[in-house]
Amino acid sequence: MIYFYAGTLFLLLFSFFKDKQKTRQALKIAWKKFAHIAPGFVMVLILMAAVLTALPEHVIARVLGNGQVWISVATAALIGSVTLMPGFIVFPLCGLLLKQGISYMVLSAFTTTLMMVGVITFPVEKAYFGTRVTLIRNAFSFLTALIVTLATGFFFGELGQ
């Protein structure tokens, strides 16, 4: 990640030295767009932090590990679609859930929809990209997540259970 920041800073400085006025103008536009999106994004983060505080991992494990794979996959996909969590929290949580006996398919459905589908972020995305693009992106993301889940079940031998 440090390389990404360093590269961005380098390109910003390059742009600044090449054309100071255009760079300042671009930074002003970027700041206005950020300021427009930030309140909605912060509210989403606060809401999800409150929900995650109320739901410890053993409750999530009970919901996702009911023994019926397809119901668990569907539940995990729906929960993942409406949840917002950063990757550095999701992957350790999945490690704990795996130790509690949750199948790879269920974890795959949960993580892929969580990372790719944005029901909670829909208002922010809609404001930035428009309703049509946001709906199409979420639909394709959900389908892709289900394909990844099936592939995971195939490779880990869980489809026949």
N, C-alpha and C. Protein backbone atom coordinates (compact mmCIF):
# COMPACT_ATOMS: atom_id res chain seq x y z
N MET A 1 0.82 -1.18 0.00
CA MET A 1 0.00 0.00 0.00
C MET A 1 0.87 1.25 0.00
N ILE A 2 2.03 1.16 0.63
CA ILE A 2 2.93 2.32 0.68
C ILE A 2 3.38 2.71 -0.73
N TYR A 3 3.53 1.70 -1.60
CA TYR A 3 3.93 1.99 -2.97
C TYR A 3 2.85 2.74 -3.73
N PHE A 4 1.60 2.40 -3.44
CA PHE A 4 0.48 3.10 -4.05
C PHE A 4 0.48 4.57 -3.64
N TYR A 5 0.66 4.82 -2.36
CA TYR A 5 0.70 6.21 -1.87
C TYR A 5 1.90 6.96 -2.44
N ALA A 6 3.04 6.31 -2.46
CA ALA A 6 4.24 6.95 -2.99
C ALA A 6 4.07 7.26 -4.48
N GLY A 7 3.51 6.32 -5.23
CA GLY A 7 3.27 6.54 -6.65
C GLY A 7 2.28 7.67 -6.89
N THR A 8 1.24 7.73 -6.08
CA THR A 8 0.25 8.80 -6.20
C THR A 8 0.89 10.15 -5.90
N LEU A 9 1.69 10.21 -4.84
CA LEU A 9 2.37 11.45 -4.50
C LEU A 9 3.32 11.88 -5.60
N PHE A 10 4.06 10.93 -6.15
CA PHE A 10 4.98 11.23 -7.25
C PHE A 10 4.23 11.81 -8.45
N LEU A 11 3.13 11.18 -8.82
CA LEU A 11 2.35 11.65 -9.97
C LEU A 11 1.71 13.01 -9.69
N LEU A 12 1.29 13.23 -8.47
CA LEU A 12 0.73 14.54 -8.11
C LEU A 12 1.80 15.62 -8.20
N LEU A 13 2.97 15.35 -7.70
CA LEU A 13 4.07 16.32 -7.79
C LEU A 13 4.48 16.56 -9.25
N PHE A 14 4.52 15.50 -10.02
CA PHE A 14 4.84 15.64 -11.44
C PHE A 14 3.81 16.54 -12.13
N SER A 15 2.54 16.29 -11.84
CA SER A 15 1.48 17.11 -12.42
C SER A 15 1.60 18.56 -11.97
N PHE A 16 1.91 18.75 -10.69
CA PHE A 16 2.03 20.10 -10.14
C PHE A 16 3.15 20.89 -10.83
N PHE A 17 4.29 20.22 -11.04
CA PHE A 17 5.41 20.92 -11.68
C PHE A 17 5.16 21.14 -13.17
N LYS A 18 4.38 20.26 -13.78
CA LYS A 18 4.08 20.40 -15.20
C LYS A 18 3.09 21.54 -15.45
N ASP A 19 2.01 21.59 -14.63
CA ASP A 19 1.00 22.64 -14.80
C ASP A 19 0.32 22.90 -13.44
N LYS A 20 0.81 23.90 -12.73
CA LYS A 20 0.33 24.19 -11.37
C LYS A 20 -1.15 24.54 -11.35
N GLN A 21 -1.59 25.31 -12.31
CA GLN A 21 -2.98 25.76 -12.32
C GLN A 21 -3.96 24.59 -12.52
N LYS A 22 -3.66 23.73 -13.49
CA LYS A 22 -4.54 22.58 -13.74
C LYS A 22 -4.55 21.63 -12.55
N THR A 23 -3.41 21.45 -11.92
CA THR A 23 -3.34 20.56 -10.76
C THR A 23 -4.16 21.12 -9.61
N ARG A 24 -4.05 22.40 -9.35
CA ARG A 24 -4.85 23.04 -8.30
C ARG A 24 -6.34 22.90 -8.60
N GLN A 25 -6.71 23.13 -9.86
CA GLN A 25 -8.10 23.01 -10.27
C GLN A 25 -8.61 21.57 -10.08
N ALA A 26 -7.79 20.60 -10.47
CA ALA A 26 -8.17 19.20 -10.30
C ALA A 26 -8.32 18.83 -8.83
N LEU A 27 -7.43 19.34 -7.99
CA LEU A 27 -7.52 19.06 -6.55
C LEU A 27 -8.78 19.70 -5.94
N LYS A 28 -9.15 20.87 -6.41
CA LYS A 28 -10.38 21.52 -5.93
C LYS A 28 -11.61 20.70 -6.32
N ILE A 29 -11.64 20.22 -7.56
CA ILE A 29 -12.76 19.39 -8.02
C ILE A 29 -12.82 18.09 -7.21
N ALA A 30 -11.67 17.47 -7.01
CA ALA A 30 -11.62 16.22 -6.23
C ALA A 30 -12.10 16.45 -4.81
N TRP A 31 -11.70 17.55 -4.20
CA TRP A 31 -12.12 17.86 -2.83
C TRP A 31 -13.63 18.05 -2.75
N LYS A 32 -14.20 18.75 -3.73
CA LYS A 32 -15.66 18.97 -3.75
C LYS A 32 -16.39 17.64 -3.87
N LYS A 33 -15.91 16.76 -4.74
CA LYS A 33 -16.56 15.45 -4.90
C LYS A 33 -16.43 14.62 -3.62
N PHE A 34 -15.26 14.66 -3.01
CA PHE A 34 -15.05 13.95 -1.76
C PHE A 34 -15.97 14.48 -0.67
N ALA A 35 -16.06 15.80 -0.56
CA ALA A 35 -16.92 16.42 0.45
C ALA A 35 -18.39 16.07 0.22
N HIS A 36 -18.77 15.88 -1.03
CA HIS A 36 -20.16 15.51 -1.36
C HIS A 36 -20.46 14.07 -0.94
N ILE A 37 -19.50 13.17 -1.11
CA ILE A 37 -19.71 11.76 -0.83
C ILE A 37 -19.44 11.41 0.64
N ALA A 38 -18.55 12.12 1.29
CA ALA A 38 -18.09 11.77 2.64
C ALA A 38 -19.20 11.62 3.68
N PRO A 39 -20.17 12.52 3.78
CA PRO A 39 -21.19 12.34 4.83
C PRO A 39 -21.95 11.02 4.73
N GLY A 40 -22.36 10.65 3.53
CA GLY A 40 -23.06 9.37 3.35
C GLY A 40 -22.18 8.19 3.69
N PHE A 41 -20.93 8.25 3.28
CA PHE A 41 -20.00 7.17 3.55
C PHE A 41 -19.74 7.02 5.05
N VAL A 42 -19.56 8.13 5.74
CA VAL A 42 -19.33 8.10 7.19
C VAL A 42 -20.55 7.53 7.91
N MET A 43 -21.75 7.89 7.46
CA MET A 43 -22.96 7.34 8.09
C MET A 43 -23.04 5.83 7.90
N VAL A 44 -22.67 5.35 6.72
CA VAL A 44 -22.67 3.91 6.45
C VAL A 44 -21.68 3.22 7.38
N LEU A 45 -20.50 3.78 7.53
CA LEU A 45 -19.49 3.18 8.42
C LEU A 45 -19.96 3.14 9.87
N ILE A 46 -20.58 4.21 10.33
CA ILE A 46 -21.09 4.26 11.71
C ILE A 46 -22.18 3.21 11.91
N LEU A 47 -23.10 3.12 10.94
CA LEU A 47 -24.18 2.14 11.03
C LEU A 47 -23.64 0.72 11.09
N MET A 48 -22.68 0.41 10.22
CA MET A 48 -22.14 -0.95 10.20
C MET A 48 -21.31 -1.25 11.44
N ALA A 49 -20.60 -0.27 11.96
CA ALA A 49 -19.85 -0.48 13.21
C ALA A 49 -20.81 -0.82 14.34
N ALA A 50 -21.95 -0.14 14.40
CA ALA A 50 -22.94 -0.42 15.43
C ALA A 50 -23.51 -1.83 15.28
N VAL A 51 -23.82 -2.23 14.06
CA VAL A 51 -24.37 -3.57 13.82
C VAL A 51 -23.35 -4.64 14.17
N LEU A 52 -22.10 -4.45 13.76
CA LEU A 52 -21.07 -5.45 14.04
C LEU A 52 -20.76 -5.56 15.53
N THR A 53 -20.89 -4.47 16.24
CA THR A 53 -20.69 -4.51 17.69
C THR A 53 -21.79 -5.33 18.34
N ALA A 54 -22.99 -5.25 17.81
CA ALA A 54 -24.12 -5.97 18.37
C ALA A 54 -24.12 -7.46 18.01
N LEU A 55 -23.41 -7.83 16.93
CA LEU A 55 -23.40 -9.23 16.47
C LEU A 55 -22.00 -9.84 16.59
N PRO A 56 -21.70 -10.51 17.68
CA PRO A 56 -20.39 -11.17 17.80
C PRO A 56 -20.29 -12.37 16.86
N GLU A 57 -19.05 -12.88 16.67
CA GLU A 57 -18.84 -13.92 15.67
C GLU A 57 -19.57 -15.22 15.97
N HIS A 58 -19.83 -15.55 17.23
CA HIS A 58 -20.54 -16.81 17.51
C HIS A 58 -22.00 -16.73 17.06
N VAL A 59 -22.59 -15.55 17.05
CA VAL A 59 -23.95 -15.39 16.52
C VAL A 59 -23.93 -15.57 15.01
N ILE A 60 -22.94 -14.97 14.36
CA ILE A 60 -22.80 -15.12 12.91
C ILE A 60 -22.57 -16.59 12.56
N ALA A 61 -21.74 -17.27 13.34
CA ALA A 61 -21.46 -18.69 13.09
C ALA A 61 -22.73 -19.53 13.23
N ARG A 62 -23.57 -19.21 14.20
CA ARG A 62 -24.81 -19.96 14.39
C ARG A 62 -25.76 -19.76 13.19
N VAL A 63 -25.82 -18.54 12.68
CA VAL A 63 -26.69 -18.25 11.54
C VAL A 63 -26.17 -18.92 10.27
N LEU A 64 -24.86 -18.89 10.07
CA LEU A 64 -24.28 -19.40 8.83
C LEU A 64 -24.02 -20.90 8.84
N GLY A 65 -23.98 -21.50 9.99
CA GLY A 65 -23.62 -22.91 10.06
C GLY A 65 -24.76 -23.79 10.49
N ASN A 66 -25.92 -23.64 9.86
CA ASN A 66 -27.09 -24.41 10.30
C ASN A 66 -27.14 -25.84 9.76
N GLY A 67 -26.14 -26.26 8.99
CA GLY A 67 -26.07 -27.63 8.50
C GLY A 67 -26.64 -27.83 7.11
N GLN A 68 -27.47 -26.95 6.62
CA GLN A 68 -28.01 -27.05 5.26
C GLN A 68 -27.20 -26.09 4.38
N VAL A 69 -26.34 -26.65 3.53
CA VAL A 69 -25.35 -25.87 2.79
C VAL A 69 -26.01 -24.78 1.94
N TRP A 70 -27.05 -25.12 1.18
CA TRP A 70 -27.62 -24.14 0.26
C TRP A 70 -28.34 -23.01 0.99
N ILE A 71 -29.00 -23.34 2.10
CA ILE A 71 -29.62 -22.28 2.90
C ILE A 71 -28.54 -21.41 3.53
N SER A 72 -27.47 -22.04 4.00
CA SER A 72 -26.36 -21.28 4.58
C SER A 72 -25.69 -20.39 3.55
N VAL A 73 -25.52 -20.91 2.31
CA VAL A 73 -24.91 -20.11 1.24
C VAL A 73 -25.80 -18.91 0.91
N ALA A 74 -27.10 -19.15 0.79
CA ALA A 74 -28.03 -18.06 0.48
C ALA A 74 -28.04 -17.02 1.60
N THR A 75 -28.05 -17.48 2.84
CA THR A 75 -28.03 -16.56 3.97
C THR A 75 -26.73 -15.76 3.99
N ALA A 76 -25.61 -16.44 3.77
CA ALA A 76 -24.32 -15.77 3.75
C ALA A 76 -24.25 -14.74 2.63
N ALA A 77 -24.79 -15.08 1.45
CA ALA A 77 -24.78 -14.14 0.32
C ALA A 77 -25.63 -12.92 0.63
N LEU A 78 -26.77 -13.13 1.25
CA LEU A 78 -27.63 -11.99 1.60
C LEU A 78 -27.00 -11.12 2.69
N ILE A 79 -26.44 -11.75 3.70
CA ILE A 79 -25.78 -10.99 4.76
C ILE A 79 -24.58 -10.23 4.20
N GLY A 80 -23.79 -10.89 3.37
CA GLY A 80 -22.64 -10.24 2.77
C GLY A 80 -23.03 -9.07 1.88
N SER A 81 -24.16 -9.20 1.19
CA SER A 81 -24.60 -8.14 0.28
C SER A 81 -25.01 -6.87 1.00
N VAL A 82 -25.52 -7.01 2.21
CA VAL A 82 -26.00 -5.83 2.93
C VAL A 82 -25.06 -5.37 4.04
N THR A 83 -23.89 -5.98 4.11
CA THR A 83 -22.93 -5.63 5.15
C THR A 83 -21.76 -4.88 4.54
N LEU A 84 -21.19 -3.99 5.30
CA LEU A 84 -20.02 -3.26 4.86
C LEU A 84 -18.94 -3.42 5.92
N MET A 85 -17.82 -4.00 5.51
CA MET A 85 -16.74 -4.29 6.43
C MET A 85 -15.43 -4.25 5.65
N PRO A 86 -14.39 -3.68 6.22
CA PRO A 86 -13.10 -3.69 5.51
C PRO A 86 -12.48 -5.09 5.52
N GLY A 87 -11.66 -5.36 4.50
CA GLY A 87 -11.03 -6.66 4.35
C GLY A 87 -10.20 -7.09 5.54
N PHE A 88 -9.54 -6.14 6.20
CA PHE A 88 -8.70 -6.52 7.33
C PHE A 88 -9.51 -7.00 8.53
N ILE A 89 -10.82 -6.82 8.51
CA ILE A 89 -11.70 -7.38 9.54
C ILE A 89 -12.36 -8.66 9.02
N VAL A 90 -12.75 -8.66 7.74
CA VAL A 90 -13.47 -9.78 7.16
C VAL A 90 -12.65 -11.06 7.18
N PHE A 91 -11.41 -11.00 6.73
CA PHE A 91 -10.64 -12.23 6.57
C PHE A 91 -10.28 -12.88 7.90
N PRO A 92 -9.89 -12.14 8.94
CA PRO A 92 -9.72 -12.80 10.24
C PRO A 92 -11.04 -13.35 10.79
N LEU A 93 -12.15 -12.63 10.56
CA LEU A 93 -13.46 -13.13 10.99
C LEU A 93 -13.76 -14.46 10.30
N CYS A 94 -13.48 -14.55 9.01
CA CYS A 94 -13.71 -15.81 8.29
C CYS A 94 -12.81 -16.92 8.82
N GLY A 95 -11.59 -16.58 9.22
CA GLY A 95 -10.71 -17.57 9.84
C GLY A 95 -11.33 -18.13 11.12
N LEU A 96 -11.92 -17.26 11.93
CA LEU A 96 -12.59 -17.71 13.16
C LEU A 96 -13.82 -18.56 12.83
N LEU A 97 -14.57 -18.13 11.82
CA LEU A 97 -15.76 -18.88 11.43
C LEU A 97 -15.38 -20.25 10.86
N LEU A 98 -14.28 -20.32 10.13
CA LEU A 98 -13.81 -21.60 9.59
C LEU A 98 -13.46 -22.56 10.73
N LYS A 99 -12.82 -22.03 11.77
CA LYS A 99 -12.48 -22.86 12.93
C LYS A 99 -13.73 -23.34 13.67
N GLN A 100 -14.83 -22.60 13.51
CA GLN A 100 -16.09 -23.00 14.15
C GLN A 100 -16.90 -23.93 13.26
N GLY A 101 -16.34 -24.34 12.11
CA GLY A 101 -16.98 -25.34 11.28
C GLY A 101 -17.80 -24.83 10.11
N ILE A 102 -17.72 -23.55 9.80
CA ILE A 102 -18.44 -23.01 8.65
C ILE A 102 -17.73 -23.47 7.38
N SER A 103 -18.50 -23.91 6.39
CA SER A 103 -17.91 -24.46 5.17
C SER A 103 -17.26 -23.39 4.31
N TYR A 104 -16.36 -23.84 3.44
CA TYR A 104 -15.69 -22.92 2.52
C TYR A 104 -16.67 -22.24 1.58
N MET A 105 -17.68 -22.98 1.15
CA MET A 105 -18.67 -22.38 0.25
C MET A 105 -19.40 -21.23 0.92
N VAL A 106 -19.78 -21.41 2.15
CA VAL A 106 -20.50 -20.37 2.89
C VAL A 106 -19.59 -19.16 3.09
N LEU A 107 -18.35 -19.42 3.46
CA LEU A 107 -17.40 -18.32 3.65
C LEU A 107 -17.12 -17.61 2.33
N SER A 108 -17.08 -18.36 1.24
CA SER A 108 -16.87 -17.76 -0.07
C SER A 108 -18.05 -16.86 -0.44
N ALA A 109 -19.27 -17.35 -0.22
CA ALA A 109 -20.45 -16.53 -0.52
C ALA A 109 -20.45 -15.26 0.33
N PHE A 110 -20.11 -15.41 1.59
CA PHE A 110 -20.09 -14.26 2.50
C PHE A 110 -19.05 -13.23 2.08
N THR A 111 -17.82 -13.67 1.87
CA THR A 111 -16.75 -12.70 1.58
C THR A 111 -16.88 -12.08 0.20
N THR A 112 -17.25 -12.87 -0.80
CA THR A 112 -17.33 -12.29 -2.15
C THR A 112 -18.47 -11.30 -2.26
N THR A 113 -19.63 -11.62 -1.70
CA THR A 113 -20.72 -10.64 -1.74
C THR A 113 -20.39 -9.43 -0.88
N LEU A 114 -19.73 -9.67 0.23
CA LEU A 114 -19.36 -8.57 1.12
C LEU A 114 -18.44 -7.57 0.42
N MET A 115 -17.49 -8.10 -0.34
CA MET A 115 -16.53 -7.23 -1.02
C MET A 115 -17.07 -6.65 -2.32
N MET A 116 -18.01 -7.33 -2.96
CA MET A 116 -18.40 -6.93 -4.31
C MET A 116 -19.77 -6.29 -4.42
N VAL A 117 -20.70 -6.66 -3.55
CA VAL A 117 -22.08 -6.16 -3.66
C VAL A 117 -22.28 -5.07 -2.60
N GLY A 118 -22.94 -4.00 -2.97
CA GLY A 118 -23.09 -2.88 -2.05
C GLY A 118 -24.51 -2.39 -1.88
N VAL A 119 -25.33 -3.15 -1.14
CA VAL A 119 -26.69 -2.70 -0.87
C VAL A 119 -26.65 -1.49 0.07
N ILE A 120 -25.82 -1.56 1.09
CA ILE A 120 -25.71 -0.46 2.05
C ILE A 120 -25.15 0.79 1.39
N THR A 121 -24.21 0.61 0.50
CA THR A 121 -23.57 1.76 -0.16
C THR A 121 -24.33 2.24 -1.39
N PHE A 122 -25.49 1.65 -1.65
CA PHE A 122 -26.27 1.99 -2.84
C PHE A 122 -26.54 3.50 -2.96
N PRO A 123 -26.97 4.18 -1.90
CA PRO A 123 -27.23 5.62 -2.05
C PRO A 123 -25.99 6.43 -2.46
N VAL A 124 -24.85 6.07 -1.91
CA VAL A 124 -23.62 6.77 -2.25
C VAL A 124 -23.23 6.47 -3.70
N GLU A 125 -23.28 5.19 -4.07
CA GLU A 125 -22.96 4.81 -5.45
C GLU A 125 -23.91 5.46 -6.44
N LYS A 126 -25.20 5.47 -6.10
CA LYS A 126 -26.21 6.05 -6.98
C LYS A 126 -25.93 7.52 -7.22
N ALA A 127 -25.53 8.22 -6.18
CA ALA A 127 -25.23 9.65 -6.34
C ALA A 127 -24.03 9.87 -7.23
N TYR A 128 -23.10 8.94 -7.21
CA TYR A 128 -21.87 9.11 -7.96
C TYR A 128 -21.96 8.55 -9.38
N PHE A 129 -22.57 7.35 -9.52
CA PHE A 129 -22.61 6.66 -10.81
C PHE A 129 -23.97 6.68 -11.49
N GLY A 130 -25.03 6.91 -10.73
CA GLY A 130 -26.38 6.83 -11.27
C GLY A 130 -27.02 5.51 -10.91
N THR A 131 -28.36 5.50 -10.92
CA THR A 131 -29.10 4.31 -10.51
C THR A 131 -28.86 3.12 -11.42
N ARG A 132 -28.92 3.34 -12.72
CA ARG A 132 -28.80 2.23 -13.68
C ARG A 132 -27.44 1.53 -13.56
N VAL A 133 -26.38 2.29 -13.55
CA VAL A 133 -25.03 1.70 -13.46
C VAL A 133 -24.87 0.98 -12.13
N THR A 134 -25.38 1.56 -11.06
CA THR A 134 -25.25 0.93 -9.74
C THR A 134 -26.02 -0.38 -9.69
N LEU A 135 -27.22 -0.41 -10.23
CA LEU A 135 -27.99 -1.66 -10.26
C LEU A 135 -27.30 -2.73 -11.10
N ILE A 136 -26.81 -2.36 -12.26
CA ILE A 136 -26.11 -3.31 -13.14
C ILE A 136 -24.86 -3.83 -12.46
N ARG A 137 -24.08 -2.94 -11.85
CA ARG A 137 -22.85 -3.36 -11.18
C ARG A 137 -23.15 -4.34 -10.04
N ASN A 138 -24.16 -4.03 -9.24
CA ASN A 138 -24.51 -4.91 -8.12
C ASN A 138 -25.05 -6.25 -8.61
N ALA A 139 -25.85 -6.25 -9.67
CA ALA A 139 -26.37 -7.52 -10.19
C ALA A 139 -25.25 -8.40 -10.73
N PHE A 140 -24.34 -7.83 -11.52
CA PHE A 140 -23.22 -8.61 -12.04
C PHE A 140 -22.29 -9.05 -10.91
N SER A 141 -22.10 -8.22 -9.92
CA SER A 141 -21.27 -8.59 -8.78
C SER A 141 -21.87 -9.76 -8.02
N PHE A 142 -23.19 -9.74 -7.84
CA PHE A 142 -23.85 -10.83 -7.12
C PHE A 142 -23.74 -12.13 -7.90
N LEU A 143 -23.97 -12.07 -9.21
CA LEU A 143 -23.83 -13.27 -10.04
C LEU A 143 -22.40 -13.81 -10.02
N THR A 144 -21.43 -12.91 -10.12
CA THR A 144 -20.03 -13.32 -10.06
C THR A 144 -19.71 -13.97 -8.72
N ALA A 145 -20.23 -13.41 -7.65
CA ALA A 145 -20.01 -13.96 -6.32
C ALA A 145 -20.58 -15.37 -6.22
N LEU A 146 -21.75 -15.60 -6.81
CA LEU A 146 -22.34 -16.94 -6.79
C LEU A 146 -21.52 -17.93 -7.61
N ILE A 147 -20.98 -17.48 -8.73
CA ILE A 147 -20.11 -18.35 -9.55
C ILE A 147 -18.84 -18.71 -8.77
N VAL A 148 -18.27 -17.73 -8.09
CA VAL A 148 -17.07 -17.98 -7.27
C VAL A 148 -17.42 -18.95 -6.14
N THR A 149 -18.59 -18.81 -5.56
CA THR A 149 -19.02 -19.72 -4.49
C THR A 149 -19.15 -21.15 -5.01
N LEU A 150 -19.76 -21.31 -6.18
CA LEU A 150 -19.87 -22.66 -6.77
C LEU A 150 -18.50 -23.24 -7.09
N ALA A 151 -17.61 -22.41 -7.61
CA ALA A 151 -16.25 -22.87 -7.90
C ALA A 151 -15.54 -23.29 -6.62
N THR A 152 -15.73 -22.54 -5.56
CA THR A 152 -15.13 -22.88 -4.27
C THR A 152 -15.67 -24.23 -3.78
N GLY A 153 -16.97 -24.41 -3.88
CA GLY A 153 -17.57 -25.69 -3.48
C GLY A 153 -17.05 -26.85 -4.30
N PHE A 154 -16.85 -26.62 -5.59
CA PHE A 154 -16.32 -27.67 -6.46
C PHE A 154 -14.89 -28.02 -6.06
N PHE A 155 -14.04 -27.01 -5.90
CA PHE A 155 -12.62 -27.26 -5.61
C PHE A 155 -12.39 -27.82 -4.21
N PHE A 156 -13.27 -27.52 -3.26
CA PHE A 156 -13.11 -28.05 -1.91
C PHE A 156 -13.98 -29.28 -1.67
N GLY A 157 -14.65 -29.74 -2.70
CA GLY A 157 -15.43 -30.97 -2.58
C GLY A 157 -16.67 -30.85 -1.73
N GLU A 158 -17.26 -29.68 -1.66
CA GLU A 158 -18.42 -29.46 -0.79
C GLU A 158 -19.75 -29.49 -1.55
N LEU A 159 -19.74 -29.61 -2.84
CA LEU A 159 -20.98 -29.57 -3.60
C LEU A 159 -21.84 -30.81 -3.39
N GLY A 160 -21.27 -31.92 -3.11
CA GLY A 160 -22.02 -33.15 -2.96
C GLY A 160 -22.60 -33.37 -1.57
N GLN A 161 -22.32 -32.47 -0.68
CA GLN A 161 -22.77 -32.67 0.72
C GLN A 161 -24.21 -32.29 0.91
